[in-house]
Amino acid sequence: MSILKNCYKALPEGGKLIVCEPVVPETTDTSTRMRALLGHDIFCMANYRTQGRARCEEEFWQLGLTAGFSGFRALYLDPFLAVLKYLK
Protein backbone atom coordinates (compact mmCIF):
# COMPACT_ATOMS: atom_id res chain seq x y z
CA MET A 1 0.00 0.00 0.00
CA SER A 2 2.83 2.42 0.79
CA ILE A 3 4.16 2.14 -2.78
CA LEU A 4 0.78 3.14 -4.23
CA LYS A 5 0.47 6.03 -1.79
CA ASN A 6 3.99 7.26 -2.64
CA CYS A 7 3.20 7.04 -6.37
CA TYR A 8 0.02 9.03 -5.77
CA LYS A 9 1.94 11.75 -3.92
CA ALA A 10 4.59 11.94 -6.66
CA LEU A 11 2.13 12.28 -9.54
CA PRO A 12 0.92 15.68 -10.75
CA GLU A 13 -2.82 16.37 -10.73
CA GLY A 14 -4.39 14.33 -13.56
CA GLY A 15 -1.36 12.00 -13.63
CA LYS A 16 -1.53 8.28 -14.41
CA LEU A 17 0.10 5.23 -12.86
CA ILE A 18 0.46 2.20 -15.14
CA VAL A 19 0.94 -1.23 -13.54
CA CYS A 20 1.17 -4.67 -15.16
CA GLU A 21 -0.09 -7.43 -12.85
CA PRO A 22 -1.70 -10.86 -12.99
CA VAL A 23 -5.41 -10.51 -12.16
CA VAL A 24 -7.43 -13.47 -10.92
CA PRO A 25 -11.17 -13.85 -11.58
CA GLU A 26 -13.70 -13.09 -8.82
CA THR A 27 -14.34 -16.82 -8.31
CA THR A 28 -11.86 -19.65 -8.59
CA ASP A 29 -12.29 -22.79 -10.64
CA THR A 30 -10.17 -25.70 -11.87
CA SER A 31 -9.28 -24.15 -15.25
CA THR A 32 -5.75 -24.11 -16.62
CA ARG A 33 -5.74 -20.31 -16.40
CA MET A 34 -6.61 -20.34 -12.71
CA ARG A 35 -3.99 -22.97 -11.94
CA ALA A 36 -1.36 -20.94 -13.80
CA LEU A 37 -2.27 -17.72 -11.96
CA LEU A 38 -2.23 -19.31 -8.53
CA GLY A 39 0.89 -21.36 -9.34
CA HIS A 40 2.70 -18.16 -10.29
CA ASP A 41 1.56 -16.53 -7.07
CA ILE A 42 2.85 -19.44 -4.96
CA PHE A 43 6.14 -19.46 -6.91
CA CYS A 44 6.72 -15.76 -6.20
CA MET A 45 5.87 -16.07 -2.51
CA ALA A 46 8.12 -19.11 -2.08
CA ASN A 47 11.11 -17.75 -4.00
CA TYR A 48 11.00 -14.06 -3.14
CA ARG A 49 9.48 -14.33 0.35
CA THR A 50 6.90 -11.70 -0.49
CA GLN A 51 3.79 -10.97 1.49
CA GLY A 52 1.73 -10.26 -1.62
CA ARG A 53 -1.06 -12.37 -3.06
CA ALA A 54 -3.13 -12.75 -6.18
CA ARG A 55 -5.92 -10.17 -6.45
CA CYS A 56 -9.06 -9.77 -8.53
CA GLU A 57 -9.87 -6.59 -10.45
CA GLU A 58 -12.13 -5.24 -7.70
CA GLU A 59 -9.35 -5.64 -5.10
CA PHE A 60 -6.90 -3.68 -7.30
CA TRP A 61 -9.52 -0.94 -7.68
CA GLN A 62 -10.06 -0.82 -3.91
CA LEU A 63 -6.29 -0.55 -3.31
CA GLY A 64 -6.19 2.42 -5.66
CA LEU A 65 -9.11 4.11 -3.93
CA THR A 66 -7.44 3.64 -0.54
CA ALA A 67 -4.23 5.20 -1.90
CA GLY A 68 -6.22 8.20 -3.14
CA PHE A 69 -6.67 7.48 -6.85
CA SER A 70 -10.00 8.52 -8.35
CA GLY A 71 -10.02 6.49 -11.57
CA PHE A 72 -9.16 2.94 -12.56
CA ARG A 73 -9.20 0.80 -15.70
CA ALA A 74 -7.97 -2.72 -16.42
CA LEU A 75 -6.91 -3.75 -19.93
CA TYR A 76 -6.31 -7.49 -20.29
CA LEU A 77 -3.30 -8.35 -22.44
CA ASP A 78 -3.96 -12.07 -22.26
CA PRO A 79 -5.72 -14.43 -19.84
CA PHE A 80 -2.83 -14.01 -17.39
CA LEU A 81 -1.81 -10.34 -17.29
CA ALA A 82 -3.59 -7.01 -17.22
CA VAL A 83 -2.39 -3.45 -17.55
CA LEU A 84 -3.93 -1.44 -14.71
CA LYS A 85 -4.29 2.31 -15.07
CA TYR A 86 -4.83 4.45 -11.98
CA LEU A 87 -5.80 8.12 -12.40
CA LYS A 88 -5.07 10.85 -9.90
PDB file of N, CA and C in Angstrom:
ATOM      1  N   MET A   1       0.819  -1.185   0.000  1.00  0.00           N
ATOM      2  CA  MET A   1       0.000   0.000   0.000  1.00  0.00           C
ATOM      3  C   MET A   1       0.865   1.251   0.000  1.00  0.00           C
ATOM      4  N   SER A   2       1.995   1.220   0.704  1.00  0.00           N
ATOM      5  CA  SER A   2       2.831   2.422   0.790  1.00  0.00           C
ATOM      6  C   SER A   2       3.402   2.803  -0.573  1.00  0.00           C
ATOM      7  N   ILE A   3       3.660   1.828  -1.435  1.00  0.00           N
ATOM      8  CA  ILE A   3       4.163   2.138  -2.785  1.00  0.00           C
ATOM      9  C   ILE A   3       3.109   2.902  -3.568  1.00  0.00           C
ATOM     10  N   LEU A   4       1.857   2.440  -3.527  1.00  0.00           N
ATOM     11  CA  LEU A   4       0.783   3.137  -4.234  1.00  0.00           C
ATOM     12  C   LEU A   4       0.587   4.552  -3.688  1.00  0.00           C
ATOM     13  N   LYS A   5       0.642   4.701  -2.388  1.00  0.00           N
ATOM     14  CA  LYS A   5       0.474   6.030  -1.790  1.00  0.00           C
ATOM     15  C   LYS A   5       1.616   6.959  -2.196  1.00  0.00           C
ATOM     16  N   ASN A   6       2.842   6.441  -2.225  1.00  0.00           N
ATOM     17  CA  ASN A   6       3.991   7.260  -2.643  1.00  0.00           C
ATOM     18  C   ASN A   6       3.873   7.650  -4.112  1.00  0.00           C
ATOM     19  N   CYS A   7       3.406   6.725  -4.950  1.00  0.00           N
ATOM     20  CA  CYS A   7       3.197   7.038  -6.371  1.00  0.00           C
ATOM     21  C   CYS A   7       2.146   8.134  -6.515  1.00  0.00           C
ATOM     22  N   TYR A   8       1.075   8.024  -5.731  1.00  0.00           N
ATOM     23  CA  TYR A   8       0.016   9.027  -5.768  1.00  0.00           C
ATOM     24  C   TYR A   8       0.569  10.408  -5.413  1.00  0.00           C
ATOM     25  N   LYS A   9       1.366  10.476  -4.353  1.00  0.00           N
ATOM     26  CA  LYS A   9       1.935  11.749  -3.922  1.00  0.00           C
ATOM     27  C   LYS A   9       2.866  12.346  -4.980  1.00  0.00           C
ATOM     28  N   ALA A  10       3.608  11.486  -5.683  1.00  0.00           N
ATOM     29  CA  ALA A  10       4.591  11.942  -6.658  1.00  0.00           C
ATOM     30  C   ALA A  10       3.970  12.393  -7.979  1.00  0.00           C
ATOM     31  N   LEU A  11       2.767  11.944  -8.272  1.00  0.00           N
ATOM     32  CA  LEU A  11       2.125  12.282  -9.541  1.00  0.00           C
ATOM     33  C   LEU A  11       1.538  13.688  -9.509  1.00  0.00           C
ATOM     34  N   PRO A  12       1.616  14.395 -10.666  1.00  0.00           N
ATOM     35  CA  PRO A  12       0.917  15.681 -10.747  1.00  0.00           C
ATOM     36  C   PRO A  12      -0.591  15.443 -10.839  1.00  0.00           C
ATOM     37  N   GLU A  13      -1.360  16.482 -10.611  1.00  0.00           N
ATOM     38  CA  GLU A  13      -2.819  16.366 -10.735  1.00  0.00           C
ATOM     39  C   GLU A  13      -3.161  15.903 -12.151  1.00  0.00           C
ATOM     40  N   GLY A  14      -4.024  14.890 -12.258  1.00  0.00           N
ATOM     41  CA  GLY A  14      -4.386  14.326 -13.557  1.00  0.00           C
ATOM     42  C   GLY A  14      -3.394  13.285 -14.064  1.00  0.00           C
ATOM     43  N   GLY A  15      -2.381  12.963 -13.240  1.00  0.00           N
ATOM     44  CA  GLY A  15      -1.357  11.996 -13.629  1.00  0.00           C
ATOM     45  C   GLY A  15      -1.895  10.574 -13.641  1.00  0.00           C
ATOM     46  N   LYS A  16      -1.133   9.684 -14.288  1.00  0.00           N
ATOM     47  CA  LYS A  16      -1.527   8.278 -14.408  1.00  0.00           C
ATOM     48  C   LYS A  16      -0.417   7.378 -13.887  1.00  0.00           C
ATOM     49  N   LEU A  17      -0.810   6.294 -13.262  1.00  0.00           N
ATOM     50  CA  LEU A  17       0.101   5.232 -12.855  1.00  0.00           C
ATOM     51  C   LEU A  17      -0.275   3.990 -13.639  1.00  0.00           C
ATOM     52  N   ILE A  18       0.694   3.402 -14.344  1.00  0.00           N
ATOM     53  CA  ILE A  18       0.459   2.202 -15.141  1.00  0.00           C
ATOM     54  C   ILE A  18       1.166   1.028 -14.460  1.00  0.00           C
ATOM     55  N   VAL A  19       0.430  -0.040 -14.223  1.00  0.00           N
ATOM     56  CA  VAL A  19       0.943  -1.227 -13.543  1.00  0.00           C
ATOM     57  C   VAL A  19       0.571  -2.455 -14.369  1.00  0.00           C
ATOM     58  N   CYS A  20       1.475  -3.410 -14.488  1.00  0.00           N
ATOM     59  CA  CYS A  20       1.175  -4.672 -15.164  1.00  0.00           C
ATOM     60  C   CYS A  20       1.198  -5.782 -14.108  1.00  0.00           C
ATOM     61  N   GLU A  21       0.058  -6.433 -13.923  1.00  0.00           N
ATOM     62  CA  GLU A  21      -0.092  -7.430 -12.854  1.00  0.00           C
ATOM     63  C   GLU A  21      -0.964  -8.591 -13.310  1.00  0.00           C
ATOM     64  N   PRO A  22      -0.733  -9.783 -12.767  1.00  0.00           N
ATOM     65  CA  PRO A  22      -1.703 -10.861 -12.989  1.00  0.00           C
ATOM     66  C   PRO A  22      -2.972 -10.568 -12.191  1.00  0.00           C
ATOM     67  N   VAL A  23      -4.122 -10.782 -12.800  1.00  0.00           N
ATOM     68  CA  VAL A  23      -5.407 -10.512 -12.155  1.00  0.00           C
ATOM     69  C   VAL A  23      -6.223 -11.795 -12.171  1.00  0.00           C
ATOM     70  N   VAL A  24      -6.637 -12.243 -11.003  1.00  0.00           N
ATOM     71  CA  VAL A  24      -7.432 -13.470 -10.921  1.00  0.00           C
ATOM     72  C   VAL A  24      -8.919 -13.143 -11.051  1.00  0.00           C
ATOM     73  N   PRO A  25      -9.721 -14.079 -11.525  1.00  0.00           N
ATOM     74  CA  PRO A  25     -11.166 -13.853 -11.582  1.00  0.00           C
ATOM     75  C   PRO A  25     -11.766 -13.760 -10.182  1.00  0.00           C
ATOM     76  N   GLU A  26     -12.994 -13.236 -10.107  1.00  0.00           N
ATOM     77  CA  GLU A  26     -13.696 -13.095  -8.820  1.00  0.00           C
ATOM     78  C   GLU A  26     -13.865 -14.444  -8.118  1.00  0.00           C
ATOM     79  N   THR A  27     -14.169 -15.482  -8.887  1.00  0.00           N
ATOM     80  CA  THR A  27     -14.340 -16.819  -8.309  1.00  0.00           C
ATOM     81  C   THR A  27     -13.304 -17.757  -8.902  1.00  0.00           C
ATOM     82  N   THR A  28     -12.846 -18.698  -8.110  1.00  0.00           N
ATOM     83  CA  THR A  28     -11.857 -19.652  -8.593  1.00  0.00           C
ATOM     84  C   THR A  28     -12.538 -20.877  -9.188  1.00  0.00           C
ATOM     85  N   ASP A  29     -11.802 -21.560 -10.034  1.00  0.00           N
ATOM     86  CA  ASP A  29     -12.290 -22.791 -10.643  1.00  0.00           C
ATOM     87  C   ASP A  29     -11.087 -23.706 -10.887  1.00  0.00           C
ATOM     88  N   THR A  30     -11.260 -24.752 -11.633  1.00  0.00           N
ATOM     89  CA  THR A  30     -10.166 -25.697 -11.871  1.00  0.00           C
ATOM     90  C   THR A  30      -9.573 -25.530 -13.269  1.00  0.00           C
ATOM     91  N   SER A  31      -9.781 -24.375 -13.893  1.00  0.00           N
ATOM     92  CA  SER A  31      -9.280 -24.150 -15.247  1.00  0.00           C
ATOM     93  C   SER A  31      -7.756 -24.045 -15.264  1.00  0.00           C
ATOM     94  N   THR A  32      -7.189 -24.234 -16.434  1.00  0.00           N
ATOM     95  CA  THR A  32      -5.748 -24.108 -16.618  1.00  0.00           C
ATOM     96  C   THR A  32      -5.292 -22.689 -16.294  1.00  0.00           C
ATOM     97  N   ARG A  33      -6.085 -21.706 -16.684  1.00  0.00           N
ATOM     98  CA  ARG A  33      -5.739 -20.308 -16.400  1.00  0.00           C
ATOM     99  C   ARG A  33      -5.627 -20.068 -14.902  1.00  0.00           C
ATOM    100  N   MET A  34      -6.608 -20.546 -14.160  1.00  0.00           N
ATOM    101  CA  MET A  34      -6.606 -20.336 -12.713  1.00  0.00           C
ATOM    102  C   MET A  34      -5.416 -21.038 -12.071  1.00  0.00           C
ATOM    103  N   ARG A  35      -5.137 -22.253 -12.501  1.00  0.00           N
ATOM    104  CA  ARG A  35      -3.986 -22.971 -11.944  1.00  0.00           C
ATOM    105  C   ARG A  35      -2.686 -22.238 -12.243  1.00  0.00           C
ATOM    106  N   ALA A  36      -2.569 -21.683 -13.445  1.00  0.00           N
ATOM    107  CA  ALA A  36      -1.358 -20.936 -13.801  1.00  0.00           C
ATOM    108  C   ALA A  36      -1.220 -19.677 -12.952  1.00  0.00           C
ATOM    109  N   LEU A  37      -2.306 -18.937 -12.773  1.00  0.00           N
ATOM    110  CA  LEU A  37      -2.268 -17.718 -11.959  1.00  0.00           C
ATOM    111  C   LEU A  37      -1.874 -18.011 -10.522  1.00  0.00           C
ATOM    112  N   LEU A  38      -2.523 -18.991  -9.927  1.00  0.00           N
ATOM    113  CA  LEU A  38      -2.231 -19.314  -8.530  1.00  0.00           C
ATOM    114  C   LEU A  38      -0.859 -19.968  -8.379  1.00  0.00           C
ATOM    115  N   GLY A  39      -0.455 -20.757  -9.362  1.00  0.00           N
ATOM    116  CA  GLY A  39       0.887 -21.357  -9.337  1.00  0.00           C
ATOM    117  C   GLY A  39       1.960 -20.286  -9.391  1.00  0.00           C
ATOM    118  N   HIS A  40       1.757 -19.278 -10.207  1.00  0.00           N
ATOM    119  CA  HIS A  40       2.703 -18.164 -10.293  1.00  0.00           C
ATOM    120  C   HIS A  40       2.765 -17.421  -8.961  1.00  0.00           C
ATOM    121  N   ASP A  41       1.627 -17.205  -8.352  1.00  0.00           N
ATOM    122  CA  ASP A  41       1.562 -16.526  -7.065  1.00  0.00           C
ATOM    123  C   ASP A  41       2.342 -17.302  -6.000  1.00  0.00           C
ATOM    124  N   ILE A  42       2.142 -18.600  -5.942  1.00  0.00           N
ATOM    125  CA  ILE A  42       2.853 -19.440  -4.965  1.00  0.00           C
ATOM    126  C   ILE A  42       4.349 -19.441  -5.251  1.00  0.00           C
ATOM    127  N   PHE A  43       4.720 -19.505  -6.531  1.00  0.00           N
ATOM    128  CA  PHE A  43       6.138 -19.464  -6.915  1.00  0.00           C
ATOM    129  C   PHE A  43       6.796 -18.183  -6.412  1.00  0.00           C
ATOM    130  N   CYS A  44       6.152 -17.040  -6.635  1.00  0.00           N
ATOM    131  CA  CYS A  44       6.717 -15.757  -6.202  1.00  0.00           C
ATOM    132  C   CYS A  44       6.840 -15.679  -4.685  1.00  0.00           C
ATOM    133  N   MET A  45       5.813 -16.127  -3.978  1.00  0.00           N
ATOM    134  CA  MET A  45       5.866 -16.073  -2.513  1.00  0.00           C
ATOM    135  C   MET A  45       6.967 -16.984  -1.975  1.00  0.00           C
ATOM    136  N   ALA A  46       7.128 -18.160  -2.568  1.00  0.00           N
ATOM    137  CA  ALA A  46       8.122 -19.109  -2.076  1.00  0.00           C
ATOM    138  C   ALA A  46       9.547 -18.661  -2.395  1.00  0.00           C
ATOM    139  N   ASN A  47       9.756 -18.114  -3.584  1.00  0.00           N
ATOM    140  CA  ASN A  47      11.106 -17.749  -4.000  1.00  0.00           C
ATOM    141  C   ASN A  47      11.543 -16.363  -3.555  1.00  0.00           C
ATOM    142  N   TYR A  48      10.634 -15.442  -3.466  1.00  0.00           N
ATOM    143  CA  TYR A  48      10.995 -14.065  -3.135  1.00  0.00           C
ATOM    144  C   TYR A  48      10.567 -13.661  -1.732  1.00  0.00           C
ATOM    145  N   ARG A  49       9.921 -14.573  -1.022  1.00  0.00           N
ATOM    146  CA  ARG A  49       9.484 -14.335   0.353  1.00  0.00           C
ATOM    147  C   ARG A  49       8.610 -13.070   0.465  1.00  0.00           C
ATOM    148  N   THR A  50       7.764 -12.881  -0.508  1.00  0.00           N
ATOM    149  CA  THR A  50       6.900 -11.698  -0.494  1.00  0.00           C
ATOM    150  C   THR A  50       5.668 -11.947   0.356  1.00  0.00           C
ATOM    151  N   GLN A  51       5.034 -10.879   0.734  1.00  0.00           N
ATOM    152  CA  GLN A  51       3.795 -10.971   1.494  1.00  0.00           C
ATOM    153  C   GLN A  51       2.586 -10.710   0.602  1.00  0.00           C
ATOM    154  N   GLY A  52       2.809 -10.543  -0.685  1.00  0.00           N
ATOM    155  CA  GLY A  52       1.729 -10.259  -1.623  1.00  0.00           C
ATOM    156  C   GLY A  52       0.872 -11.487  -1.882  1.00  0.00           C
ATOM    157  N   ARG A  53      -0.183 -11.273  -2.686  1.00  0.00           N
ATOM    158  CA  ARG A  53      -1.060 -12.372  -3.055  1.00  0.00           C
ATOM    159  C   ARG A  53      -1.755 -12.020  -4.356  1.00  0.00           C
ATOM    160  N   ALA A  54      -2.371 -12.995  -4.962  1.00  0.00           N
ATOM    161  CA  ALA A  54      -3.133 -12.750  -6.178  1.00  0.00           C
ATOM    162  C   ALA A  54      -4.386 -11.952  -5.827  1.00  0.00           C
ATOM    163  N   ARG A  55      -4.746 -11.020  -6.704  1.00  0.00           N
ATOM    164  CA  ARG A  55      -5.918 -10.172  -6.453  1.00  0.00           C
ATOM    165  C   ARG A  55      -6.818 -10.138  -7.678  1.00  0.00           C
ATOM    166  N   CYS A  56      -8.106  -9.930  -7.431  1.00  0.00           N
ATOM    167  CA  CYS A  56      -9.057  -9.767  -8.529  1.00  0.00           C
ATOM    168  C   CYS A  56      -9.108  -8.272  -8.891  1.00  0.00           C
ATOM    169  N   GLU A  57      -9.800  -7.969  -9.976  1.00  0.00           N
ATOM    170  CA  GLU A  57      -9.869  -6.589 -10.451  1.00  0.00           C
ATOM    171  C   GLU A  57     -10.458  -5.650  -9.399  1.00  0.00           C
ATOM    172  N   GLU A  58     -11.491  -6.080  -8.730  1.00  0.00           N
ATOM    173  CA  GLU A  58     -12.129  -5.244  -7.701  1.00  0.00           C
ATOM    174  C   GLU A  58     -11.151  -4.920  -6.571  1.00  0.00           C
ATOM    175  N   GLU A  59     -10.317  -5.880  -6.175  1.00  0.00           N
ATOM    176  CA  GLU A  59      -9.346  -5.640  -5.103  1.00  0.00           C
ATOM    177  C   GLU A  59      -8.292  -4.618  -5.534  1.00  0.00           C
ATOM    178  N   PHE A  60      -7.848  -4.686  -6.811  1.00  0.00           N
ATOM    179  CA  PHE A  60      -6.899  -3.685  -7.299  1.00  0.00           C
ATOM    180  C   PHE A  60      -7.532  -2.298  -7.302  1.00  0.00           C
ATOM    181  N   TRP A  61      -8.803  -2.208  -7.686  1.00  0.00           N
ATOM    182  CA  TRP A  61      -9.521  -0.939  -7.682  1.00  0.00           C
ATOM    183  C   TRP A  61      -9.620  -0.390  -6.256  1.00  0.00           C
ATOM    184  N   GLN A  62      -9.950  -1.250  -5.294  1.00  0.00           N
ATOM    185  CA  GLN A  62     -10.056  -0.815  -3.906  1.00  0.00           C
ATOM    186  C   GLN A  62      -8.710  -0.337  -3.350  1.00  0.00           C
ATOM    187  N   LEU A  63      -7.621  -1.006  -3.733  1.00  0.00           N
ATOM    188  CA  LEU A  63      -6.289  -0.551  -3.311  1.00  0.00           C
ATOM    189  C   LEU A  63      -6.019   0.856  -3.823  1.00  0.00           C
ATOM    190  N   GLY A  64      -6.384   1.095  -5.082  1.00  0.00           N
ATOM    191  CA  GLY A  64      -6.191   2.420  -5.664  1.00  0.00           C
ATOM    192  C   GLY A  64      -7.012   3.478  -4.961  1.00  0.00           C
ATOM    193  N   LEU A  65      -8.262   3.161  -4.654  1.00  0.00           N
ATOM    194  CA  LEU A  65      -9.114   4.113  -3.926  1.00  0.00           C
ATOM    195  C   LEU A  65      -8.519   4.457  -2.565  1.00  0.00           C
ATOM    196  N   THR A  66      -8.039   3.438  -1.861  1.00  0.00           N
ATOM    197  CA  THR A  66      -7.440   3.641  -0.543  1.00  0.00           C
ATOM    198  C   THR A  66      -6.193   4.522  -0.634  1.00  0.00           C
ATOM    199  N   ALA A  67      -5.434   4.386  -1.720  1.00  0.00           N
ATOM    200  CA  ALA A  67      -4.230   5.199  -1.904  1.00  0.00           C
ATOM    201  C   ALA A  67      -4.559   6.628  -2.337  1.00  0.00           C
ATOM    202  N   GLY A  68      -5.810   6.863  -2.767  1.00  0.00           N
ATOM    203  CA  GLY A  68      -6.219   8.204  -3.145  1.00  0.00           C
ATOM    204  C   GLY A  68      -6.580   8.384  -4.605  1.00  0.00           C
ATOM    205  N   PHE A  69      -6.365   7.368  -5.428  1.00  0.00           N
ATOM    206  CA  PHE A  69      -6.668   7.480  -6.853  1.00  0.00           C
ATOM    207  C   PHE A  69      -8.173   7.567  -7.079  1.00  0.00           C
ATOM    208  N   SER A  70      -8.565   8.324  -8.096  1.00  0.00           N
ATOM    209  CA  SER A  70      -9.996   8.515  -8.352  1.00  0.00           C
ATOM    210  C   SER A  70     -10.504   7.733  -9.556  1.00  0.00           C
ATOM    211  N   GLY A  71      -9.613   7.242 -10.389  1.00  0.00           N
ATOM    212  CA  GLY A  71     -10.022   6.492 -11.570  1.00  0.00           C
ATOM    213  C   GLY A  71      -9.225   5.213 -11.716  1.00  0.00           C
ATOM    214  N   PHE A  72      -9.808   4.244 -12.402  1.00  0.00           N
ATOM    215  CA  PHE A  72      -9.162   2.939 -12.563  1.00  0.00           C
ATOM    216  C   PHE A  72      -9.694   2.284 -13.825  1.00  0.00           C
ATOM    217  N   ARG A  73      -8.798   1.595 -14.539  1.00  0.00           N
ATOM    218  CA  ARG A  73      -9.202   0.801 -15.699  1.00  0.00           C
ATOM    219  C   ARG A  73      -8.243  -0.368 -15.840  1.00  0.00           C
ATOM    220  N   ALA A  74      -8.783  -1.527 -16.189  1.00  0.00           N
ATOM    221  CA  ALA A  74      -7.970  -2.722 -16.420  1.00  0.00           C
ATOM    222  C   ALA A  74      -8.087  -3.108 -17.888  1.00  0.00           C
ATOM    223  N   LEU A  75      -6.953  -3.306 -18.542  1.00  0.00           N
ATOM    224  CA  LEU A  75      -6.910  -3.748 -19.927  1.00  0.00           C
ATOM    225  C   LEU A  75      -6.185  -5.092 -19.946  1.00  0.00           C
ATOM    226  N   TYR A  76      -6.891  -6.139 -20.322  1.00  0.00           N
ATOM    227  CA  TYR A  76      -6.314  -7.487 -20.290  1.00  0.00           C
ATOM    228  C   TYR A  76      -5.490  -7.743 -21.541  1.00  0.00           C
ATOM    229  N   LEU A  77      -4.206  -8.048 -21.331  1.00  0.00           N
ATOM    230  CA  LEU A  77      -3.301  -8.349 -22.437  1.00  0.00           C
ATOM    231  C   LEU A  77      -3.485  -9.781 -22.921  1.00  0.00           C
ATOM    232  N   ASP A  78      -3.724 -10.656 -21.980  1.00  0.00           N
ATOM    233  CA  ASP A  78      -3.960 -12.071 -22.256  1.00  0.00           C
ATOM    234  C   ASP A  78      -4.713 -12.629 -21.048  1.00  0.00           C
ATOM    235  N   PRO A  79      -4.991 -13.904 -21.011  1.00  0.00           N
ATOM    236  CA  PRO A  79      -5.721 -14.428 -19.844  1.00  0.00           C
ATOM    237  C   PRO A  79      -4.952 -14.336 -18.524  1.00  0.00           C
ATOM    238  N   PHE A  80      -3.670 -14.016 -18.586  1.00  0.00           N
ATOM    239  CA  PHE A  80      -2.834 -14.010 -17.390  1.00  0.00           C
ATOM    240  C   PHE A  80      -2.573 -12.599 -16.853  1.00  0.00           C
ATOM    241  N   LEU A  81      -2.242 -11.660 -17.736  1.00  0.00           N
ATOM    242  CA  LEU A  81      -1.813 -10.340 -17.294  1.00  0.00           C
ATOM    243  C   LEU A  81      -2.769  -9.237 -17.720  1.00  0.00           C
ATOM    244  N   ALA A  82      -2.814  -8.201 -16.893  1.00  0.00           N
ATOM    245  CA  ALA A  82      -3.595  -7.011 -17.217  1.00  0.00           C
ATOM    246  C   ALA A  82      -2.745  -5.777 -16.970  1.00  0.00           C
ATOM    247  N   VAL A  83      -2.974  -4.763 -17.781  1.00  0.00           N
ATOM    248  CA  VAL A  83      -2.391  -3.454 -17.550  1.00  0.00           C
ATOM    249  C   VAL A  83      -3.427  -2.665 -16.756  1.00  0.00           C
ATOM    250  N   LEU A  84      -3.024  -2.186 -15.591  1.00  0.00           N
ATOM    251  CA  LEU A  84      -3.932  -1.441 -14.705  1.00  0.00           C
ATOM    252  C   LEU A  84      -3.560   0.025 -14.756  1.00  0.00           C
ATOM    253  N   LYS A  85      -4.537   0.878 -14.994  1.00  0.00           N
ATOM    254  CA  LYS A  85      -4.290   2.310 -15.068  1.00  0.00           C
ATOM    255  C   LYS A  85      -5.037   3.003 -13.932  1.00  0.00           C
ATOM    256  N   TYR A  86      -4.267   3.672 -13.088  1.00  0.00           N
ATOM    257  CA  TYR A  86      -4.833   4.447 -11.982  1.00  0.00           C
ATOM    258  C   TYR A  86      -4.728   5.927 -12.345  1.00  0.00           C
ATOM    259  N   LEU A  87      -5.785   6.689 -12.109  1.00  0.00           N
ATOM    260  CA  LEU A  87      -5.803   8.118 -12.403  1.00  0.00           C
ATOM    261  C   LEU A  87      -5.876   8.941 -11.125  1.00  0.00           C
ATOM    262  N   LYS A  88      -5.057   9.969 -11.080  1.00  0.00           N
ATOM    263  CA  LYS A  88      -5.067  10.854  -9.903  1.00  0.00           C
ATOM    264  C   LYS A  88      -6.129  11.909 -10.095  1.00  0.00           C
TER     265      LYS A  88
END
